[in-house]
Amino acid sequence: MNKPRRKEIEAIEEKIKALQLTANAIKAEIESVRADEDDAFDNLSENLQNSERGEAMQTASSNLEEAEQELDDIESSCNEAITNLEAARE
């Protein structure tokens, strides 16, 4: 591979690293919202926790947790892409 293409690949790697940082920041925001939702649920009386409202809160928390996992998957995919790009540059 010639030098200009290696430079292009390096630039792409930097973009992927920026994507990872953005995904991690978004994940942290989601974690914060989920923690707030979990705290609100924990502060409900047992009757309200077992009500439709409590179930909705638990569902929301589960959905937020799934979103966090999807962002973890993005990070893993980015790491794999970087590894492959580094191999291509050699």
PDB file of N, CA and C in Angstrom:
ATOM      1  N   MET A   1       0.859  -1.176   0.000  1.00  0.00           N
ATOM      2  CA  MET A   1       0.000   0.000   0.000  1.00  0.00           C
ATOM      3  C   MET A   1       0.900   1.232   0.000  1.00  0.00           C
ATOM      4  N   ASN A   2       0.508   2.215  -0.801  1.00  0.00           N
ATOM      5  CA  ASN A   2       1.343   3.411  -0.879  1.00  0.00           C
ATOM      6  C   ASN A   2       1.027   4.393   0.250  1.00  0.00           C
ATOM      7  N   LYS A   3       1.912   5.351   0.394  1.00  0.00           N
ATOM      8  CA  LYS A   3       1.828   6.301   1.508  1.00  0.00           C
ATOM      9  C   LYS A   3       0.522   7.112   1.518  1.00  0.00           C
ATOM     10  N   PRO A   4       0.055   7.640   0.369  1.00  0.00           N
ATOM     11  CA  PRO A   4      -1.210   8.403   0.403  1.00  0.00           C
ATOM     12  C   PRO A   4      -2.400   7.577   0.900  1.00  0.00           C
ATOM     13  N   ARG A   5      -2.470   6.311   0.504  1.00  0.00           N
ATOM     14  CA  ARG A   5      -3.584   5.475   0.978  1.00  0.00           C
ATOM     15  C   ARG A   5      -3.441   5.168   2.458  1.00  0.00           C
ATOM     16  N   ARG A   6      -2.200   4.993   2.915  1.00  0.00           N
ATOM     17  CA  ARG A   6      -1.992   4.791   4.357  1.00  0.00           C
ATOM     18  C   ARG A   6      -2.477   6.004   5.140  1.00  0.00           C
ATOM     19  N   LYS A   7      -2.198   7.182   4.597  1.00  0.00           N
ATOM     20  CA  LYS A   7      -2.651   8.423   5.253  1.00  0.00           C
ATOM     21  C   LYS A   7      -4.177   8.474   5.297  1.00  0.00           C
ATOM     22  N   GLU A   8      -4.816   8.055   4.214  1.00  0.00           N
ATOM     23  CA  GLU A   8      -6.284   8.028   4.182  1.00  0.00           C
ATOM     24  C   GLU A   8      -6.821   7.094   5.253  1.00  0.00           C
ATOM     25  N   ILE A   9      -6.193   5.939   5.375  1.00  0.00           N
ATOM     26  CA  ILE A   9      -6.629   4.974   6.384  1.00  0.00           C
ATOM     27  C   ILE A   9      -6.432   5.538   7.782  1.00  0.00           C
ATOM     28  N   GLU A  10      -5.325   6.211   8.022  1.00  0.00           N
ATOM     29  CA  GLU A  10      -5.090   6.834   9.331  1.00  0.00           C
ATOM     30  C   GLU A  10      -6.182   7.851   9.640  1.00  0.00           C
ATOM     31  N   ALA A  11      -6.584   8.626   8.644  1.00  0.00           N
ATOM     32  CA  ALA A  11      -7.649   9.618   8.845  1.00  0.00           C
ATOM     33  C   ALA A  11      -8.973   8.926   9.172  1.00  0.00           C
ATOM     34  N   ILE A  12      -9.237   7.815   8.505  1.00  0.00           N
ATOM     35  CA  ILE A  12     -10.457   7.059   8.785  1.00  0.00           C
ATOM     36  C   ILE A  12     -10.421   6.508  10.209  1.00  0.00           C
ATOM     37  N   GLU A  13      -9.264   6.002  10.627  1.00  0.00           N
ATOM     38  CA  GLU A  13      -9.124   5.495  11.995  1.00  0.00           C
ATOM     39  C   GLU A  13      -9.433   6.589  13.012  1.00  0.00           C
ATOM     40  N   GLU A  14      -8.964   7.787  12.756  1.00  0.00           N
ATOM     41  CA  GLU A  14      -9.235   8.906  13.675  1.00  0.00           C
ATOM     42  C   GLU A  14     -10.732   9.215  13.735  1.00  0.00           C
ATOM     43  N   LYS A  15     -11.408   9.118  12.606  1.00  0.00           N
ATOM     44  CA  LYS A  15     -12.858   9.334  12.596  1.00  0.00           C
ATOM     45  C   LYS A  15     -13.573   8.265  13.419  1.00  0.00           C
ATOM     46  N   ILE A  16     -13.102   7.035  13.295  1.00  0.00           N
ATOM     47  CA  ILE A  16     -13.713   5.944  14.068  1.00  0.00           C
ATOM     48  C   ILE A  16     -13.477   6.166  15.556  1.00  0.00           C
ATOM     49  N   LYS A  17     -12.280   6.615  15.918  1.00  0.00           N
ATOM     50  CA  LYS A  17     -11.993   6.904  17.328  1.00  0.00           C
ATOM     51  C   LYS A  17     -12.894   8.025  17.847  1.00  0.00           C
ATOM     52  N   ALA A  18     -13.154   9.014  17.018  1.00  0.00           N
ATOM     53  CA  ALA A  18     -14.068  10.094  17.413  1.00  0.00           C
ATOM     54  C   ALA A  18     -15.483   9.544  17.600  1.00  0.00           C
ATOM     55  N   LEU A  19     -15.880   8.627  16.735  1.00  0.00           N
ATOM     56  CA  LEU A  19     -17.186   7.978  16.870  1.00  0.00           C
ATOM     57  C   LEU A  19     -17.284   7.227  18.191  1.00  0.00           C
ATOM     58  N   GLN A  20     -16.202   6.552  18.571  1.00  0.00           N
ATOM     59  CA  GLN A  20     -16.186   5.829  19.844  1.00  0.00           C
ATOM     60  C   GLN A  20     -16.368   6.795  21.015  1.00  0.00           C
ATOM     61  N   LEU A  21     -15.682   7.925  20.968  1.00  0.00           N
ATOM     62  CA  LEU A  21     -15.814   8.909  22.044  1.00  0.00           C
ATOM     63  C   LEU A  21     -17.246   9.422  22.134  1.00  0.00           C
ATOM     64  N   THR A  22     -17.848   9.680  20.988  1.00  0.00           N
ATOM     65  CA  THR A  22     -19.231  10.149  20.965  1.00  0.00           C
ATOM     66  C   THR A  22     -20.172   9.081  21.520  1.00  0.00           C
ATOM     67  N   ALA A  23     -19.976   7.841  21.102  1.00  0.00           N
ATOM     68  CA  ALA A  23     -20.821   6.745  21.593  1.00  0.00           C
ATOM     69  C   ALA A  23     -20.678   6.589  23.104  1.00  0.00           C
ATOM     70  N   ASN A  24     -19.459   6.719  23.615  1.00  0.00           N
ATOM     71  CA  ASN A  24     -19.249   6.601  25.061  1.00  0.00           C
ATOM     72  C   ASN A  24     -19.922   7.735  25.815  1.00  0.00           C
ATOM     73  N   ALA A  25     -19.882   8.944  25.256  1.00  0.00           N
ATOM     74  CA  ALA A  25     -20.545  10.082  25.899  1.00  0.00           C
ATOM     75  C   ALA A  25     -22.061   9.879  25.924  1.00  0.00           C
ATOM     76  N   ILE A  26     -22.606   9.392  24.829  1.00  0.00           N
ATOM     77  CA  ILE A  26     -24.043   9.129  24.766  1.00  0.00           C
ATOM     78  C   ILE A  26     -24.415   8.035  25.760  1.00  0.00           C
ATOM     79  N   LYS A  27     -23.590   6.997  25.829  1.00  0.00           N
ATOM     80  CA  LYS A  27     -23.849   5.902  26.772  1.00  0.00           C
ATOM     81  C   LYS A  27     -23.877   6.430  28.206  1.00  0.00           C
ATOM     82  N   ALA A  28     -22.957   7.317  28.543  1.00  0.00           N
ATOM     83  CA  ALA A  28     -22.926   7.882  29.890  1.00  0.00           C
ATOM     84  C   ALA A  28     -24.209   8.663  30.187  1.00  0.00           C
ATOM     85  N   GLU A  29     -24.712   9.371  29.195  1.00  0.00           N
ATOM     86  CA  GLU A  29     -25.964  10.108  29.369  1.00  0.00           C
ATOM     87  C   GLU A  29     -27.124   9.143  29.606  1.00  0.00           C
ATOM     88  N   ILE A  30     -27.155   8.076  28.837  1.00  0.00           N
ATOM     89  CA  ILE A  30     -28.219   7.082  28.997  1.00  0.00           C
ATOM     90  C   ILE A  30     -28.125   6.428  30.373  1.00  0.00           C
ATOM     91  N   GLU A  31     -26.911   6.101  30.799  1.00  0.00           N
ATOM     92  CA  GLU A  31     -26.720   5.505  32.127  1.00  0.00           C
ATOM     93  C   GLU A  31     -27.259   6.420  33.214  1.00  0.00           C
ATOM     94  N   SER A  32     -27.040   7.711  33.052  1.00  0.00           N
ATOM     95  CA  SER A  32     -27.519   8.681  34.035  1.00  0.00           C
ATOM     96  C   SER A  32     -29.047   8.707  34.081  1.00  0.00           C
ATOM     97  N   VAL A  33     -29.661   8.720  32.912  1.00  0.00           N
ATOM     98  CA  VAL A  33     -31.132   8.723  32.849  1.00  0.00           C
ATOM     99  C   VAL A  33     -31.675   7.433  33.458  1.00  0.00           C
ATOM    100  N   ARG A  34     -31.030   6.317  33.144  1.00  0.00           N
ATOM    101  CA  ARG A  34     -31.485   5.026  33.685  1.00  0.00           C
ATOM    102  C   ARG A  34     -31.340   4.996  35.209  1.00  0.00           C
ATOM    103  N   ALA A  35     -30.247   5.527  35.722  1.00  0.00           N
ATOM    104  CA  ALA A  35     -30.047   5.569  37.174  1.00  0.00           C
ATOM    105  C   ALA A  35     -31.137   6.418  37.833  1.00  0.00           C
ATOM    106  N   ASP A  36     -31.476   7.540  37.208  1.00  0.00           N
ATOM    107  CA  ASP A  36     -32.546   8.388  37.744  1.00  0.00           C
ATOM    108  C   ASP A  36     -33.879   7.647  37.740  1.00  0.00           C
ATOM    109  N   GLU A  37     -34.148   6.914  36.650  1.00  0.00           N
ATOM    110  CA  GLU A  37     -35.405   6.161  36.547  1.00  0.00           C
ATOM    111  C   GLU A  37     -35.440   5.055  37.600  1.00  0.00           C
ATOM    112  N   ASP A  38     -34.308   4.368  37.775  1.00  0.00           N
ATOM    113  CA  ASP A  38     -34.242   3.312  38.790  1.00  0.00           C
ATOM    114  C   ASP A  38     -34.432   3.873  40.195  1.00  0.00           C
ATOM    115  N   ASP A  39     -33.841   5.025  40.474  1.00  0.00           N
ATOM    116  CA  ASP A  39     -34.015   5.664  41.780  1.00  0.00           C
ATOM    117  C   ASP A  39     -35.474   6.046  41.999  1.00  0.00           C
ATOM    118  N   ALA A  40     -36.095   6.591  40.953  1.00  0.00           N
ATOM    119  CA  ALA A  40     -37.506   6.978  41.074  1.00  0.00           C
ATOM    120  C   ALA A  40     -38.368   5.751  41.343  1.00  0.00           C
ATOM    121  N   PHE A  41     -38.072   4.643  40.669  1.00  0.00           N
ATOM    122  CA  PHE A  41     -38.816   3.411  40.891  1.00  0.00           C
ATOM    123  C   PHE A  41     -38.612   2.917  42.325  1.00  0.00           C
ATOM    124  N   ASP A  42     -37.364   2.933  42.779  1.00  0.00           N
ATOM    125  CA  ASP A  42     -37.063   2.463  44.134  1.00  0.00           C
ATOM    126  C   ASP A  42     -37.757   3.298  45.212  1.00  0.00           C
ATOM    127  N   ASN A  43     -38.027   4.559  44.897  1.00  0.00           N
ATOM    128  CA  ASN A  43     -38.670   5.451  45.861  1.00  0.00           C
ATOM    129  C   ASN A  43     -40.197   5.332  45.848  1.00  0.00           C
ATOM    130  N   LEU A  44     -40.735   4.544  44.929  1.00  0.00           N
ATOM    131  CA  LEU A  44     -42.180   4.318  44.914  1.00  0.00           C
ATOM    132  C   LEU A  44     -42.558   3.346  46.026  1.00  0.00           C
ATOM    133  N   SER A  45     -43.766   3.468  46.477  1.00  0.00           N
ATOM    134  CA  SER A  45     -44.276   2.476  47.437  1.00  0.00           C
ATOM    135  C   SER A  45     -44.398   1.140  46.718  1.00  0.00           C
ATOM    136  N   GLU A  46     -44.467   0.088  47.496  1.00  0.00           N
ATOM    137  CA  GLU A  46     -44.571  -1.251  46.900  1.00  0.00           C
ATOM    138  C   GLU A  46     -45.808  -1.372  46.025  1.00  0.00           C
ATOM    139  N   ASN A  47     -46.904  -0.761  46.464  1.00  0.00           N
ATOM    140  CA  ASN A  47     -48.140  -0.801  45.665  1.00  0.00           C
ATOM    141  C   ASN A  47     -47.941  -0.150  44.309  1.00  0.00           C
ATOM    142  N   LEU A  48     -47.259   1.005  44.285  1.00  0.00           N
ATOM    143  CA  LEU A  48     -47.023   1.686  43.010  1.00  0.00           C
ATOM    144  C   LEU A  48     -46.001   0.937  42.157  1.00  0.00           C
ATOM    145  N   GLN A  49     -45.030   0.308  42.808  1.00  0.00           N
ATOM    146  CA  GLN A  49     -44.060  -0.474  42.042  1.00  0.00           C
ATOM    147  C   GLN A  49     -44.743  -1.612  41.289  1.00  0.00           C
ATOM    148  N   ASN A  50     -45.766  -2.165  41.889  1.00  0.00           N
ATOM    149  CA  ASN A  50     -46.494  -3.279  41.274  1.00  0.00           C
ATOM    150  C   ASN A  50     -47.634  -2.816  40.368  1.00  0.00           C
ATOM    151  N   SER A  51     -47.780  -1.513  40.223  1.00  0.00           N
ATOM    152  CA  SER A  51     -48.855  -0.976  39.387  1.00  0.00           C
ATOM    153  C   SER A  51     -48.377  -0.853  37.933  1.00  0.00           C
ATOM    154  N   GLU A  52     -49.294  -0.414  37.096  1.00  0.00           N
ATOM    155  CA  GLU A  52     -48.971  -0.196  35.682  1.00  0.00           C
ATOM    156  C   GLU A  52     -47.842   0.831  35.538  1.00  0.00           C
ATOM    157  N   ARG A  53     -47.890   1.839  36.373  1.00  0.00           N
ATOM    158  CA  ARG A  53     -46.853   2.872  36.351  1.00  0.00           C
ATOM    159  C   ARG A  53     -45.479   2.277  36.680  1.00  0.00           C
ATOM    160  N   GLY A  54     -45.426   1.459  37.715  1.00  0.00           N
ATOM    161  CA  GLY A  54     -44.168   0.825  38.093  1.00  0.00           C
ATOM    162  C   GLY A  54     -43.638  -0.093  37.005  1.00  0.00           C
ATOM    163  N   GLU A  55     -44.551  -0.841  36.381  1.00  0.00           N
ATOM    164  CA  GLU A  55     -44.150  -1.728  35.290  1.00  0.00           C
ATOM    165  C   GLU A  55     -43.607  -0.925  34.114  1.00  0.00           C
ATOM    166  N   ALA A  56     -44.231   0.204  33.828  1.00  0.00           N
ATOM    167  CA  ALA A  56     -43.760   1.065  32.740  1.00  0.00           C
ATOM    168  C   ALA A  56     -42.363   1.602  33.044  1.00  0.00           C
ATOM    169  N   MET A  57     -42.123   1.921  34.296  1.00  0.00           N
ATOM    170  CA  MET A  57     -40.803   2.424  34.691  1.00  0.00           C
ATOM    171  C   MET A  57     -39.751   1.331  34.536  1.00  0.00           C
ATOM    172  N   GLN A  58     -40.102   0.116  34.913  1.00  0.00           N
ATOM    173  CA  GLN A  58     -39.171  -0.997  34.758  1.00  0.00           C
ATOM    174  C   GLN A  58     -38.890  -1.288  33.281  1.00  0.00           C
ATOM    175  N   THR A  59     -39.914  -1.197  32.463  1.00  0.00           N
ATOM    176  CA  THR A  59     -39.738  -1.394  31.027  1.00  0.00           C
ATOM    177  C   THR A  59     -38.831  -0.314  30.447  1.00  0.00           C
ATOM    178  N   ALA A  60     -39.039   0.908  30.871  1.00  0.00           N
ATOM    179  CA  ALA A  60     -38.194   2.008  30.396  1.00  0.00           C
ATOM    180  C   ALA A  60     -36.742   1.764  30.784  1.00  0.00           C
ATOM    181  N   SER A  61     -36.525   1.334  32.016  1.00  0.00           N
ATOM    182  CA  SER A  61     -35.177   1.058  32.484  1.00  0.00           C
ATOM    183  C   SER A  61     -34.530  -0.061  31.678  1.00  0.00           C
ATOM    184  N   SER A  62     -35.285  -1.092  31.388  1.00  0.00           N
ATOM    185  CA  SER A  62     -34.772  -2.202  30.581  1.00  0.00           C
ATOM    186  C   SER A  62     -34.418  -1.738  29.174  1.00  0.00           C
ATOM    187  N   ASN A  63     -35.270  -0.904  28.595  1.00  0.00           N
ATOM    188  CA  ASN A  63     -34.997  -0.382  27.253  1.00  0.00           C
ATOM    189  C   ASN A  63     -33.743   0.497  27.244  1.00  0.00           C
ATOM    190  N   LEU A  64     -33.570   1.273  28.287  1.00  0.00           N
ATOM    191  CA  LEU A  64     -32.366   2.103  28.379  1.00  0.00           C
ATOM    192  C   LEU A  64     -31.118   1.227  28.507  1.00  0.00           C
ATOM    193  N   GLU A  65     -31.238   0.161  29.276  1.00  0.00           N
ATOM    194  CA  GLU A  65     -30.114  -0.761  29.437  1.00  0.00           C
ATOM    195  C   GLU A  65     -29.756  -1.428  28.099  1.00  0.00           C
ATOM    196  N   GLU A  66     -30.765  -1.769  27.322  1.00  0.00           N
ATOM    197  CA  GLU A  66     -30.527  -2.342  25.997  1.00  0.00           C
ATOM    198  C   GLU A  66     -29.835  -1.335  25.081  1.00  0.00           C
ATOM    199  N   ALA A  67     -30.230  -0.068  25.189  1.00  0.00           N
ATOM    200  CA  ALA A  67     -29.579   0.974  24.388  1.00  0.00           C
ATOM    201  C   ALA A  67     -28.102   1.093  24.770  1.00  0.00           C
ATOM    202  N   GLU A  68     -27.821   0.988  26.060  1.00  0.00           N
ATOM    203  CA  GLU A  68     -26.427   1.013  26.512  1.00  0.00           C
ATOM    204  C   GLU A  68     -25.648  -0.142  25.890  1.00  0.00           C
ATOM    205  N   GLN A  69     -26.257  -1.326  25.859  1.00  0.00           N
ATOM    206  CA  GLN A  69     -25.596  -2.498  25.281  1.00  0.00           C
ATOM    207  C   GLN A  69     -25.324  -2.287  23.797  1.00  0.00           C
ATOM    208  N   GLU A  70     -26.265  -1.686  23.106  1.00  0.00           N
ATOM    209  CA  GLU A  70     -26.065  -1.412  21.680  1.00  0.00           C
ATOM    210  C   GLU A  70     -24.874  -0.477  21.475  1.00  0.00           C
ATOM    211  N   LEU A  71     -24.719   0.484  22.361  1.00  0.00           N
ATOM    212  CA  LEU A  71     -23.567   1.386  22.262  1.00  0.00           C
ATOM    213  C   LEU A  71     -22.267   0.659  22.589  1.00  0.00           C
ATOM    214  N   ASP A  72     -22.324  -0.309  23.509  1.00  0.00           N
ATOM    215  CA  ASP A  72     -21.151  -1.157  23.757  1.00  0.00           C
ATOM    216  C   ASP A  72     -20.788  -1.936  22.493  1.00  0.00           C
ATOM    217  N   ASP A  73     -21.816  -2.413  21.794  1.00  0.00           N
ATOM    218  CA  ASP A  73     -21.583  -3.149  20.553  1.00  0.00           C
ATOM    219  C   ASP A  73     -20.930  -2.257  19.502  1.00  0.00           C
ATOM    220  N   ILE A  74     -21.346  -0.991  19.464  1.00  0.00           N
ATOM    221  CA  ILE A  74     -20.724  -0.043  18.538  1.00  0.00           C
ATOM    222  C   ILE A  74     -19.245   0.091  18.850  1.00  0.00           C
ATOM    223  N   GLU A  75     -18.918   0.200  20.133  1.00  0.00           N
ATOM    224  CA  GLU A  75     -17.514   0.331  20.518  1.00  0.00           C
ATOM    225  C   GLU A  75     -16.717  -0.897  20.090  1.00  0.00           C
ATOM    226  N   SER A  76     -17.269  -2.076  20.304  1.00  0.00           N
ATOM    227  CA  SER A  76     -16.590  -3.309  19.894  1.00  0.00           C
ATOM    228  C   SER A  76     -16.394  -3.348  18.383  1.00  0.00           C
ATOM    229  N   SER A  77     -17.415  -2.974  17.650  1.00  0.00           N
ATOM    230  CA  SER A  77     -17.312  -2.946  16.194  1.00  0.00           C
ATOM    231  C   SER A  77     -16.267  -1.942  15.729  1.00  0.00           C
ATOM    232  N   CYS A  78     -16.212  -0.812  16.385  1.00  0.00           N
ATOM    233  CA  CYS A  78     -15.198   0.192  16.046  1.00  0.00           C
ATOM    234  C   CYS A  78     -13.793  -0.349  16.303  1.00  0.00           C
ATOM    235  N   ASN A  79     -13.620  -1.048  17.420  1.00  0.00           N
ATOM    236  CA  ASN A  79     -12.311  -1.631  17.722  1.00  0.00           C
ATOM    237  C   ASN A  79     -11.908  -2.639  16.644  1.00  0.00           C
ATOM    238  N   GLU A  80     -12.855  -3.449  16.213  1.00  0.00           N
ATOM    239  CA  GLU A  80     -12.572  -4.423  15.159  1.00  0.00           C
ATOM    240  C   GLU A  80     -12.220  -3.720  13.850  1.00  0.00           C
ATOM    241  N   ALA A  81     -12.950  -2.665  13.533  1.00  0.00           N
ATOM    242  CA  ALA A  81     -12.676  -1.922  12.304  1.00  0.00           C
ATOM    243  C   ALA A  81     -11.279  -1.315  12.345  1.00  0.00           C
ATOM    244  N   ILE A  82     -10.902  -0.751  13.486  1.00  0.00           N
ATOM    245  CA  ILE A  82      -9.568  -0.160  13.622  1.00  0.00           C
ATOM    246  C   ILE A  82      -8.494  -1.232  13.462  1.00  0.00           C
ATOM    247  N   THR A  83      -8.710  -2.376  14.084  1.00  0.00           N
ATOM    248  CA  THR A  83      -7.755  -3.478  13.952  1.00  0.00           C
ATOM    249  C   THR A  83      -7.570  -3.874  12.487  1.00  0.00           C
ATOM    250  N   ASN A  84      -8.676  -3.977  11.773  1.00  0.00           N
ATOM    251  CA  ASN A  84      -8.601  -4.346  10.360  1.00  0.00           C
ATOM    252  C   ASN A  84      -7.928  -3.257   9.522  1.00  0.00           C
ATOM    253  N   LEU A  85      -8.209  -2.016   9.846  1.00  0.00           N
ATOM    254  CA  LEU A  85      -7.572  -0.922   9.103  1.00  0.00           C
ATOM    255  C   LEU A  85      -6.068  -0.885   9.372  1.00  0.00           C
ATOM    256  N   GLU A  86      -5.691  -1.124  10.633  1.00  0.00           N
ATOM    257  CA  GLU A  86      -4.258  -1.158  10.962  1.00  0.00           C
ATOM    258  C   GLU A  86      -3.566  -2.282  10.190  1.00  0.00           C
ATOM    259  N   ALA A  87      -4.218  -3.419  10.093  1.00  0.00           N
ATOM    260  CA  ALA A  87      -3.647  -4.553   9.337  1.00  0.00           C
ATOM    261  C   ALA A  87      -3.529  -4.195   7.861  1.00  0.00           C
ATOM    262  N   ALA A  88      -4.493  -3.470   7.343  1.00  0.00           N
ATOM    263  CA  ALA A  88      -4.464  -3.078   5.937  1.00  0.00           C
ATOM    264  C   ALA A  88      -3.324  -2.105   5.645  1.00  0.00           C
ATOM    265  N   ARG A  89      -2.973  -1.293   6.627  1.00  0.00           N
ATOM    266  CA  ARG A  89      -1.895  -0.309   6.438  1.00  0.00           C
ATOM    267  C   ARG A  89      -0.521  -0.952   6.398  1.00  0.00           C
ATOM    268  N   GLU A  90      -0.391  -2.159   6.923  1.00  0.00           N
ATOM    269  CA  GLU A  90       0.934  -2.799   7.001  1.00  0.00           C
ATOM    270  C   GLU A  90       1.445  -3.229   5.663  1.00  0.00           C
TER     271      GLU A  90
END
